PDB file of N, CA and C in Angstrom:
ATOM      1  N   UNK A   1     184.417  43.464  73.318  1.00  0.00           N
ATOM      2  CA  UNK A   1     183.056  43.006  73.084  1.00  0.00           C
ATOM      3  C   UNK A   1     183.127  41.635  72.407  1.00  0.00           C
ATOM      4  N   UNK A   2     182.357  40.726  72.874  1.00  0.00           N
ATOM      5  CA  UNK A   2     182.389  39.377  72.308  1.00  0.00           C
ATOM      6  C   UNK A   2     181.409  39.263  71.152  1.00  0.00           C
ATOM      7  N   UNK A   3     181.511  38.202  70.399  1.00  0.00           N
ATOM      8  CA  UNK A   3     180.635  37.957  69.254  1.00  0.00           C
ATOM      9  C   UNK A   3     179.179  37.803  69.694  1.00  0.00           C
ATOM     10  N   UNK A   4     178.960  37.214  70.845  1.00  0.00           N
ATOM     11  CA  UNK A   4     177.611  37.013  71.346  1.00  0.00           C
ATOM     12  C   UNK A   4     176.921  38.350  71.599  1.00  0.00           C
ATOM     13  N   UNK A   5     177.636  39.287  72.181  1.00  0.00           N
ATOM     14  CA  UNK A   5     177.046  40.591  72.455  1.00  0.00           C
ATOM     15  C   UNK A   5     176.692  41.326  71.164  1.00  0.00           C
ATOM     16  N   UNK A   6     177.532  41.200  70.147  1.00  0.00           N
ATOM     17  CA  UNK A   6     177.224  41.828  68.855  1.00  0.00           C
ATOM     18  C   UNK A   6     175.960  41.227  68.265  1.00  0.00           C
ATOM     19  N   UNK A   7     175.836  39.907  68.391  1.00  0.00           N
ATOM     20  CA  UNK A   7     174.647  39.240  67.867  1.00  0.00           C
ATOM     21  C   UNK A   7     173.389  39.717  68.542  1.00  0.00           C
ATOM     22  N   UNK A   8     173.438  39.957  69.825  1.00  0.00           N
ATOM     23  CA  UNK A   8     172.276  40.444  70.556  1.00  0.00           C
ATOM     24  C   UNK A   8     171.913  41.843  70.080  1.00  0.00           C
ATOM     25  N   UNK A   9     172.897  42.701  69.896  1.00  0.00           N
ATOM     26  CA  UNK A   9     172.630  44.047  69.424  1.00  0.00           C
ATOM     27  C   UNK A   9     172.014  44.026  68.022  1.00  0.00           C
ATOM     28  N   UNK A  10     172.510  43.156  67.192  1.00  0.00           N
ATOM     29  CA  UNK A  10     171.969  43.048  65.837  1.00  0.00           C
ATOM     30  C   UNK A  10     170.533  42.533  65.860  1.00  0.00           C
ATOM     31  N   UNK A  11     170.237  41.593  66.753  1.00  0.00           N
ATOM     32  CA  UNK A  11     168.869  41.073  66.857  1.00  0.00           C
ATOM     33  C   UNK A  11     167.903  42.168  67.286  1.00  0.00           C
ATOM     34  N   UNK A  12     168.313  43.011  68.220  1.00  0.00           N
ATOM     35  CA  UNK A  12     167.436  44.091  68.667  1.00  0.00           C
ATOM     36  C   UNK A  12     167.169  45.083  67.541  1.00  0.00           C
ATOM     37  N   UNK A  13     168.197  45.407  66.794  1.00  0.00           N
ATOM     38  CA  UNK A  13     168.016  46.333  65.674  1.00  0.00           C
ATOM     39  C   UNK A  13     167.140  45.694  64.596  1.00  0.00           C
ATOM     40  N   UNK A  14     167.305  44.421  64.406  1.00  0.00           N
ATOM     41  CA  UNK A  14     166.525  43.710  63.385  1.00  0.00           C
ATOM     42  C   UNK A  14     165.047  43.651  63.756  1.00  0.00           C
ATOM     43  N   UNK A  15     164.741  43.526  65.042  1.00  0.00           N
ATOM     44  CA  UNK A  15     163.342  43.465  65.466  1.00  0.00           C
ATOM     45  C   UNK A  15     162.612  44.765  65.159  1.00  0.00           C
ATOM     46  N   UNK A  16     163.273  45.894  65.326  1.00  0.00           N
ATOM     47  CA  UNK A  16     162.630  47.161  65.008  1.00  0.00           C
ATOM     48  C   UNK A  16     162.320  47.236  63.517  1.00  0.00           C
ATOM     49  N   UNK A  17     163.256  46.844  62.697  1.00  0.00           N
ATOM     50  CA  UNK A  17     163.012  46.828  61.260  1.00  0.00           C
ATOM     51  C   UNK A  17     161.947  45.800  60.910  1.00  0.00           C
ATOM     52  N   UNK A  18     161.859  44.724  61.667  1.00  0.00           N
ATOM     53  CA  UNK A  18     160.868  43.702  61.406  1.00  0.00           C
ATOM     54  C   UNK A  18     159.453  44.227  61.564  1.00  0.00           C
ATOM     55  N   UNK A  19     159.221  45.039  62.578  1.00  0.00           N
ATOM     56  CA  UNK A  19     157.893  45.616  62.779  1.00  0.00           C
ATOM     57  C   UNK A  19     157.553  46.556  61.629  1.00  0.00           C
ATOM     58  N   UNK A  20     158.519  47.367  61.213  1.00  0.00           N
ATOM     59  CA  UNK A  20     158.296  48.257  60.076  1.00  0.00           C
ATOM     60  C   UNK A  20     158.068  47.447  58.802  1.00  0.00           C
ATOM     61  N   UNK A  21     158.812  46.371  58.687  1.00  0.00           N
ATOM     62  CA  UNK A  21     158.679  45.514  57.514  1.00  0.00           C
ATOM     63  C   UNK A  21     157.307  44.850  57.480  1.00  0.00           C
ATOM     64  N   UNK A  22     156.829  44.378  58.617  1.00  0.00           N
ATOM     65  CA  UNK A  22     155.500  43.767  58.674  1.00  0.00           C
ATOM     66  C   UNK A  22     154.423  44.781  58.307  1.00  0.00           C
ATOM     67  N   UNK A  23     154.572  45.994  58.803  1.00  0.00           N
ATOM     68  CA  UNK A  23     153.626  47.052  58.455  1.00  0.00           C
ATOM     69  C   UNK A  23     153.664  47.335  56.950  1.00  0.00           C
ATOM     70  N   UNK A  24     154.849  47.353  56.382  1.00  0.00           N
ATOM     71  CA  UNK A  24     154.981  47.579  54.938  1.00  0.00           C
ATOM     72  C   UNK A  24     154.298  46.471  54.147  1.00  0.00           C
ATOM     73  N   UNK A  25     154.433  45.235  54.606  1.00  0.00           N
ATOM     74  CA  UNK A  25     153.795  44.108  53.932  1.00  0.00           C
ATOM     75  C   UNK A  25     152.272  44.229  54.021  1.00  0.00           C
ATOM     76  N   UNK A  26     151.769  44.584  55.177  1.00  0.00           N
ATOM     77  CA  UNK A  26     150.321  44.749  55.350  1.00  0.00           C
ATOM     78  C   UNK A  26     149.806  45.868  54.451  1.00  0.00           C
ATOM     79  N   UNK A  27     150.512  46.981  54.407  1.00  0.00           N
ATOM     80  CA  UNK A  27     150.107  48.099  53.553  1.00  0.00           C
ATOM     81  C   UNK A  27     150.166  47.722  52.070  1.00  0.00           C
ATOM     82  N   UNK A  28     151.182  46.974  51.694  1.00  0.00           N
ATOM     83  CA  UNK A  28     151.319  46.548  50.304  1.00  0.00           C
ATOM     84  C   UNK A  28     150.171  45.618  49.908  1.00  0.00           C
ATOM     85  N   UNK A  29     149.833  44.678  50.779  1.00  0.00           N
ATOM     86  CA  UNK A  29     148.727  43.758  50.480  1.00  0.00           C
ATOM     87  C   UNK A  29     147.383  44.482  50.445  1.00  0.00           C
ATOM     88  N   UNK A  30     147.200  45.435  51.344  1.00  0.00           N
ATOM     89  CA  UNK A  30     145.963  46.222  51.349  1.00  0.00           C
ATOM     90  C   UNK A  30     145.849  47.022  50.058  1.00  0.00           C
ATOM     91  N   UNK A  31     146.937  47.621  49.639  1.00  0.00           N
ATOM     92  CA  UNK A  31     146.950  48.387  48.394  1.00  0.00           C
ATOM     93  C   UNK A  31     146.656  47.475  47.214  1.00  0.00           C
ATOM     94  N   UNK A  32     147.210  46.282  47.224  1.00  0.00           N
ATOM     95  CA  UNK A  32     146.977  45.321  46.144  1.00  0.00           C
ATOM     96  C   UNK A  32     145.515  44.891  46.100  1.00  0.00           C
ATOM     97  N   UNK A  33     144.930  44.619  47.243  1.00  0.00           N
ATOM     98  CA  UNK A  33     143.512  44.236  47.288  1.00  0.00           C
ATOM     99  C   UNK A  33     142.617  45.374  46.796  1.00  0.00           C
ATOM    100  N   UNK A  34     142.961  46.601  47.181  1.00  0.00           N
ATOM    101  CA  UNK A  34     142.186  47.752  46.738  1.00  0.00           C
ATOM    102  C   UNK A  34     142.276  47.900  45.212  1.00  0.00           C
ATOM    103  N   UNK A  35     143.484  47.705  44.657  1.00  0.00           N
ATOM    104  CA  UNK A  35     143.670  47.787  43.208  1.00  0.00           C
ATOM    105  C   UNK A  35     142.851  46.724  42.499  1.00  0.00           C
ATOM    106  N   UNK A  36     142.844  45.511  43.013  1.00  0.00           N
ATOM    107  CA  UNK A  36     142.073  44.427  42.403  1.00  0.00           C
ATOM    108  C   UNK A  36     140.584  44.749  42.450  1.00  0.00           C
ATOM    109  N   UNK A  37     140.095  45.240  43.577  1.00  0.00           N
ATOM    110  CA  UNK A  37     138.684  45.613  43.698  1.00  0.00           C
ATOM    111  C   UNK A  37     138.334  46.721  42.701  1.00  0.00           C
ATOM    112  N   UNK A  38     139.180  47.747  42.639  1.00  0.00           N
ATOM    113  CA  UNK A  38     138.942  48.865  41.727  1.00  0.00           C
ATOM    114  C   UNK A  38     138.952  48.391  40.266  1.00  0.00           C
ATOM    115  N   UNK A  39     139.866  47.487  39.920  1.00  0.00           N
ATOM    116  CA  UNK A  39     139.933  46.972  38.553  1.00  0.00           C
ATOM    117  C   UNK A  39     138.744  46.077  38.220  1.00  0.00           C
ATOM    118  N   UNK A  40     138.234  45.351  39.206  1.00  0.00           N
ATOM    119  CA  UNK A  40     137.048  44.525  38.966  1.00  0.00           C
ATOM    120  C   UNK A  40     135.830  45.418  38.709  1.00  0.00           C
ATOM    121  N   UNK A  41     135.715  46.504  39.432  1.00  0.00           N
ATOM    122  CA  UNK A  41     134.628  47.461  39.190  1.00  0.00           C
ATOM    123  C   UNK A  41     134.781  48.069  37.795  1.00  0.00           C
ATOM    124  N   UNK A  42     136.001  48.416  37.421  1.00  0.00           N
ATOM    125  CA  UNK A  42     136.249  48.974  36.087  1.00  0.00           C
ATOM    126  C   UNK A  42     135.903  47.963  34.998  1.00  0.00           C
ATOM    127  N   UNK A  43     136.204  46.694  35.222  1.00  0.00           N
ATOM    128  CA  UNK A  43     135.875  45.658  34.245  1.00  0.00           C
ATOM    129  C   UNK A  43     134.365  45.532  34.081  1.00  0.00           C
ATOM    130  N   UNK A  44     133.632  45.631  35.168  1.00  0.00           N
ATOM    131  CA  UNK A  44     132.160  45.606  35.068  1.00  0.00           C
ATOM    132  C   UNK A  44     131.651  46.800  34.271  1.00  0.00           C
ATOM    133  N   UNK A  45     132.284  47.959  34.440  1.00  0.00           N
ATOM    134  CA  UNK A  45     131.890  49.136  33.654  1.00  0.00           C
ATOM    135  C   UNK A  45     132.233  48.946  32.182  1.00  0.00           C
ATOM    136  N   UNK A  46     133.355  48.318  31.908  1.00  0.00           N
ATOM    137  CA  UNK A  46     133.735  48.044  30.518  1.00  0.00           C
ATOM    138  C   UNK A  46     132.705  47.124  29.875  1.00  0.00           C
ATOM    139  N   UNK A  47     132.192  46.176  30.631  1.00  0.00           N
ATOM    140  CA  UNK A  47     131.186  45.253  30.103  1.00  0.00           C
ATOM    141  C   UNK A  47     129.918  45.990  29.671  1.00  0.00           C
ATOM    142  N   UNK A  48     129.654  47.134  30.297  1.00  0.00           N
ATOM    143  CA  UNK A  48     128.456  47.906  29.974  1.00  0.00           C
ATOM    144  C   UNK A  48     128.596  48.734  28.694  1.00  0.00           C
ATOM    145  N   UNK A  49     129.805  48.832  28.137  1.00  0.00           N
ATOM    146  CA  UNK A  49     130.004  49.580  26.898  1.00  0.00           C
ATOM    147  C   UNK A  49     129.331  48.844  25.737  1.00  0.00           C
ATOM    148  N   UNK A  50     128.971  49.590  24.691  1.00  0.00           N
ATOM    149  CA  UNK A  50     128.395  48.910  23.532  1.00  0.00           C
ATOM    150  C   UNK A  50     129.516  48.286  22.683  1.00  0.00           C
ATOM    151  N   UNK A  51     129.131  47.484  21.710  1.00  0.00           N
ATOM    152  CA  UNK A  51     130.108  46.713  20.938  1.00  0.00           C
ATOM    153  C   UNK A  51     131.069  47.598  20.147  1.00  0.00           C
ATOM    154  N   UNK A  52     130.588  48.738  19.644  1.00  0.00           N
ATOM    155  CA  UNK A  52     131.481  49.643  18.910  1.00  0.00           C
ATOM    156  C   UNK A  52     132.544  50.246  19.830  1.00  0.00           C
ATOM    157  N   UNK A  53     132.159  50.615  21.023  1.00  0.00           N
ATOM    158  CA  UNK A  53     133.121  51.164  21.980  1.00  0.00           C
ATOM    159  C   UNK A  53     134.140  50.108  22.390  1.00  0.00           C
ATOM    160  N   UNK A  54     133.671  48.893  22.589  1.00  0.00           N
ATOM    161  CA  UNK A  54     134.596  47.811  22.920  1.00  0.00           C
ATOM    162  C   UNK A  54     135.576  47.563  21.780  1.00  0.00           C
ATOM    163  N   UNK A  55     135.079  47.607  20.558  1.00  0.00           N
ATOM    164  CA  UNK A  55     135.947  47.407  19.397  1.00  0.00           C
ATOM    165  C   UNK A  55     136.996  48.516  19.303  1.00  0.00           C
ATOM    166  N   UNK A  56     136.618  49.739  19.670  1.00  0.00           N
ATOM    167  CA  UNK A  56     137.561  50.854  19.649  1.00  0.00           C
ATOM    168  C   UNK A  56     138.744  50.639  20.592  1.00  0.00           C
ATOM    169  N   UNK A  57     138.517  49.970  21.694  1.00  0.00           N
ATOM    170  CA  UNK A  57     139.620  49.718  22.635  1.00  0.00           C
ATOM    171  C   UNK A  57     140.232  48.331  22.444  1.00  0.00           C
ATOM    172  N   UNK A  58     139.805  47.652  21.382  1.00  0.00           N
ATOM    173  CA  UNK A  58     140.434  46.382  21.032  1.00  0.00           C
ATOM    174  C   UNK A  58     139.918  45.181  21.786  1.00  0.00           C
ATOM    175  N   UNK A  59     138.685  45.246  22.244  1.00  0.00           N
ATOM    176  CA  UNK A  59     138.110  44.128  22.991  1.00  0.00           C
ATOM    177  C   UNK A  59     136.775  43.723  22.385  1.00  0.00           C
ATOM    178  N   UNK A  60     136.342  42.553  22.735  1.00  0.00           N
ATOM    179  CA  UNK A  60     134.998  42.110  22.375  1.00  0.00           C
ATOM    180  C   UNK A  60     134.237  41.830  23.671  1.00  0.00           C
ATOM    181  N   UNK A  61     132.937  41.735  23.562  1.00  0.00           N
ATOM    182  CA  UNK A  61     132.127  41.439  24.746  1.00  0.00           C
ATOM    183  C   UNK A  61     132.521  40.068  25.314  1.00  0.00           C
ATOM    184  N   UNK A  62     132.873  39.149  24.434  1.00  0.00           N
ATOM    185  CA  UNK A  62     133.311  37.819  24.866  1.00  0.00           C
ATOM    186  C   UNK A  62     134.581  37.914  25.717  1.00  0.00           C
ATOM    187  N   UNK A  63     135.535  38.782  25.325  1.00  0.00           N
ATOM    188  CA  UNK A  63     136.768  38.960  26.102  1.00  0.00           C
ATOM    189  C   UNK A  63     136.463  39.424  27.524  1.00  0.00           C
ATOM    190  N   UNK A  64     135.556  40.388  27.641  1.00  0.00           N
ATOM    191  CA  UNK A  64     135.228  40.933  28.956  1.00  0.00           C
ATOM    192  C   UNK A  64     134.498  39.889  29.806  1.00  0.00           C
ATOM    193  N   UNK A  65     133.538  39.209  29.200  1.00  0.00           N
ATOM    194  CA  UNK A  65     132.800  38.175  29.938  1.00  0.00           C
ATOM    195  C   UNK A  65     133.737  37.056  30.376  1.00  0.00           C
ATOM    196  N   UNK A  66     134.656  36.685  29.510  1.00  0.00           N
ATOM    197  CA  UNK A  66     135.624  35.628  29.833  1.00  0.00           C
ATOM    198  C   UNK A  66     136.544  36.066  30.975  1.00  0.00           C
ATOM    199  N   UNK A  67     136.975  37.316  30.953  1.00  0.00           N
ATOM    200  CA  UNK A  67     137.844  37.824  32.031  1.00  0.00           C
ATOM    201  C   UNK A  67     137.121  37.810  33.370  1.00  0.00           C
ATOM    202  N   UNK A  68     135.868  38.194  33.372  1.00  0.00           N
ATOM    203  CA  UNK A  68     135.104  38.176  34.619  1.00  0.00           C
ATOM    204  C   UNK A  68     134.816  36.753  35.084  1.00  0.00           C
ATOM    205  N   UNK A  69     134.572  35.861  34.147  1.00  0.00           N
ATOM    206  CA  UNK A  69     134.234  34.482  34.492  1.00  0.00           C
ATOM    207  C   UNK A  69     135.463  33.689  34.941  1.00  0.00           C
ATOM    208  N   UNK A  70     136.598  33.909  34.283  1.00  0.00           N
ATOM    209  CA  UNK A  70     137.770  33.077  34.525  1.00  0.00           C
ATOM    210  C   UNK A  70     138.644  33.525  35.689  1.00  0.00           C
ATOM    211  N   UNK A  71     138.392  34.703  36.235  1.00  0.00           N
ATOM    212  CA  UNK A  71     139.210  35.153  37.355  1.00  0.00           C
ATOM    213  C   UNK A  71     138.488  34.889  38.668  1.00  0.00           C
ATOM    214  N   UNK A  72     139.275  34.535  39.655  1.00  0.00           N
ATOM    215  CA  UNK A  72     138.726  34.361  40.994  1.00  0.00           C
ATOM    216  C   UNK A  72     138.525  35.729  41.633  1.00  0.00           C
ATOM    217  N   UNK A  73     137.939  35.760  42.786  1.00  0.00           N
ATOM    218  CA  UNK A  73     137.608  37.015  43.449  1.00  0.00           C
ATOM    219  C   UNK A  73     138.839  37.882  43.683  1.00  0.00           C
ATOM    220  N   UNK A  74     139.944  37.290  44.043  1.00  0.00           N
ATOM    221  CA  UNK A  74     141.142  38.067  44.353  1.00  0.00           C
ATOM    222  C   UNK A  74     142.124  38.136  43.188  1.00  0.00           C
ATOM    223  N   UNK A  75     141.673  37.838  41.977  1.00  0.00           N
ATOM    224  CA  UNK A  75     142.502  37.985  40.780  1.00  0.00           C
ATOM    225  C   UNK A  75     142.093  39.248  40.049  1.00  0.00           C
ATOM    226  N   UNK A  76     143.017  39.792  39.287  1.00  0.00           N
ATOM    227  CA  UNK A  76     142.781  41.038  38.570  1.00  0.00           C
ATOM    228  C   UNK A  76     142.311  40.735  37.146  1.00  0.00           C
ATOM    229  N   UNK A  77     141.042  41.015  36.816  1.00  0.00           N
ATOM    230  CA  UNK A  77     140.539  40.713  35.477  1.00  0.00           C
ATOM    231  C   UNK A  77     141.130  41.609  34.396  1.00  0.00           C
ATOM    232  N   UNK A  78     141.630  42.784  34.766  1.00  0.00           N
ATOM    233  CA  UNK A  78     142.207  43.666  33.761  1.00  0.00           C
ATOM    234  C   UNK A  78     143.486  43.099  33.165  1.00  0.00           C
ATOM    235  N   UNK A  79     144.156  42.215  33.874  1.00  0.00           N
ATOM    236  CA  UNK A  79     145.337  41.576  33.299  1.00  0.00           C
ATOM    237  C   UNK A  79     144.951  40.731  32.089  1.00  0.00           C
ATOM    238  N   UNK A  80     143.838  39.992  32.203  1.00  0.00           N
ATOM    239  CA  UNK A  80     143.364  39.200  31.066  1.00  0.00           C
ATOM    240  C   UNK A  80     142.886  40.086  29.926  1.00  0.00           C
ATOM    241  N   UNK A  81     142.215  41.187  30.257  1.00  0.00           N
ATOM    242  CA  UNK A  81     141.737  42.094  29.217  1.00  0.00           C
ATOM    243  C   UNK A  81     142.896  42.756  28.480  1.00  0.00           C
ATOM    244  N   UNK A  82     143.924  43.117  29.204  1.00  0.00           N
ATOM    245  CA  UNK A  82     145.106  43.705  28.578  1.00  0.00           C
ATOM    246  C   UNK A  82     145.747  42.720  27.617  1.00  0.00           C
ATOM    247  N   UNK A  83     145.866  41.476  28.051  1.00  0.00           N
ATOM    248  CA  UNK A  83     146.442  40.437  27.200  1.00  0.00           C
ATOM    249  C   UNK A  83     145.595  40.235  25.937  1.00  0.00           C
ATOM    250  N   UNK A  84     144.281  40.218  26.089  1.00  0.00           N
ATOM    251  CA  UNK A  84     143.387  40.035  24.937  1.00  0.00           C
ATOM    252  C   UNK A  84     143.497  41.202  23.966  1.00  0.00           C
ATOM    253  N   UNK A  85     143.521  42.423  24.488  1.00  0.00           N
ATOM    254  CA  UNK A  85     143.607  43.607  23.629  1.00  0.00           C
ATOM    255  C   UNK A  85     144.940  43.644  22.887  1.00  0.00           C
ATOM    256  N   UNK A  86     146.027  43.285  23.552  1.00  0.00           N
ATOM    257  CA  UNK A  86     147.337  43.270  22.885  1.00  0.00           C
ATOM    258  C   UNK A  86     147.390  42.202  21.800  1.00  0.00           C
ATOM    259  N   UNK A  87     146.836  41.048  22.090  1.00  0.00           N
ATOM    260  CA  UNK A  87     146.816  39.974  21.094  1.00  0.00           C
ATOM    261  C   UNK A  87     145.996  40.393  19.876  1.00  0.00           C
ATOM    262  N   UNK A  88     144.852  41.001  20.102  1.00  0.00           N
ATOM    263  CA  UNK A  88     144.010  41.451  18.999  1.00  0.00           C
ATOM    264  C   UNK A  88     144.718  42.550  18.199  1.00  0.00           C
ATOM    265  N   UNK A  89     145.425  43.452  18.876  1.00  0.00           N
ATOM    266  CA  UNK A  89     146.144  44.524  18.192  1.00  0.00           C
ATOM    267  C   UNK A  89     147.261  43.969  17.314  1.00  0.00           C
ATOM    268  N   UNK A  90     147.916  42.913  17.758  1.00  0.00           N
ATOM    269  CA  UNK A  90     148.983  42.301  16.948  1.00  0.00           C
ATOM    270  C   UNK A  90     148.443  41.705  15.663  1.00  0.00           C
ATOM    271  N   UNK A  91     147.270  41.098  15.754  1.00  0.00           N
ATOM    272  CA  UNK A  91     146.739  40.387  14.587  1.00  0.00           C
ATOM    273  C   UNK A  91     145.763  41.226  13.765  1.00  0.00           C
ATOM    274  N   UNK A  92     145.293  42.317  14.299  1.00  0.00           N
ATOM    275  CA  UNK A  92     144.231  43.083  13.644  1.00  0.00           C
ATOM    276  C   UNK A  92     144.674  43.735  12.341  1.00  0.00           C
ATOM    277  N   UNK A  93     145.829  44.327  12.335  1.00  0.00           N
ATOM    278  CA  UNK A  93     146.259  45.094  11.172  1.00  0.00           C
ATOM    279  C   UNK A  93     147.347  44.397  10.367  1.00  0.00           C
ATOM    280  N   UNK A  94     147.500  43.116  10.571  1.00  0.00           N
ATOM    281  CA  UNK A  94     148.483  42.381   9.782  1.00  0.00           C
ATOM    282  C   UNK A  94     147.956  42.183   8.368  1.00  0.00           C
ATOM    283  N   UNK A  95     148.864  42.294   7.436  1.00  0.00           N
ATOM    284  CA  UNK A  95     148.481  42.040   6.051  1.00  0.00           C
ATOM    285  C   UNK A  95     148.363  40.547   5.829  1.00  0.00           C
ATOM    286  N   UNK A  96     147.446  40.157   4.983  1.00  0.00           N
ATOM    287  CA  UNK A  96     147.361  38.726   4.674  1.00  0.00           C
ATOM    288  C   UNK A  96     148.627  38.304   3.920  1.00  0.00           C
ATOM    289  N   UNK A  97     149.041  37.075   4.087  1.00  0.00           N
ATOM    290  CA  UNK A  97     150.265  36.617   3.411  1.00  0.00           C
ATOM    291  C   UNK A  97     150.103  36.677   1.887  1.00  0.00           C
ATOM    292  N   UNK A  98     151.188  37.058   1.201  1.00  0.00           N
ATOM    293  CA  UNK A  98     151.175  37.124  -0.257  1.00  0.00           C
ATOM    294  C   UNK A  98     151.216  35.718  -0.828  1.00  0.00           C
ATOM    295  N   UNK A  99     150.564  35.565  -1.972  1.00  0.00           N
ATOM    296  CA  UNK A  99     150.567  34.254  -2.620  1.00  0.00           C
ATOM    297  C   UNK A  99     151.371  34.281  -3.864  1.00  0.00           C
TER     298      UNK A  99
END
């Protein structure tokens, strides 16, 4: 068997995996879009919470409004909210520096 024939066999096998791979990419992107849509709906529901409830989860109304305003349609606003809540948690219970 020559090298050329092996290359042809490998190309045929690769094409089958390519179709499966393309399908996997399409499914992954669809899943990602669905997650972003679901998280945007959840962010809108979070915005409807009162200020005490928002404070309990480490957010302010400004954080939620900023996340909704600063993200584009296909961006995940919960990523910004998570970052804001973690930042607030780091600084919330810190003791003031001793003098």
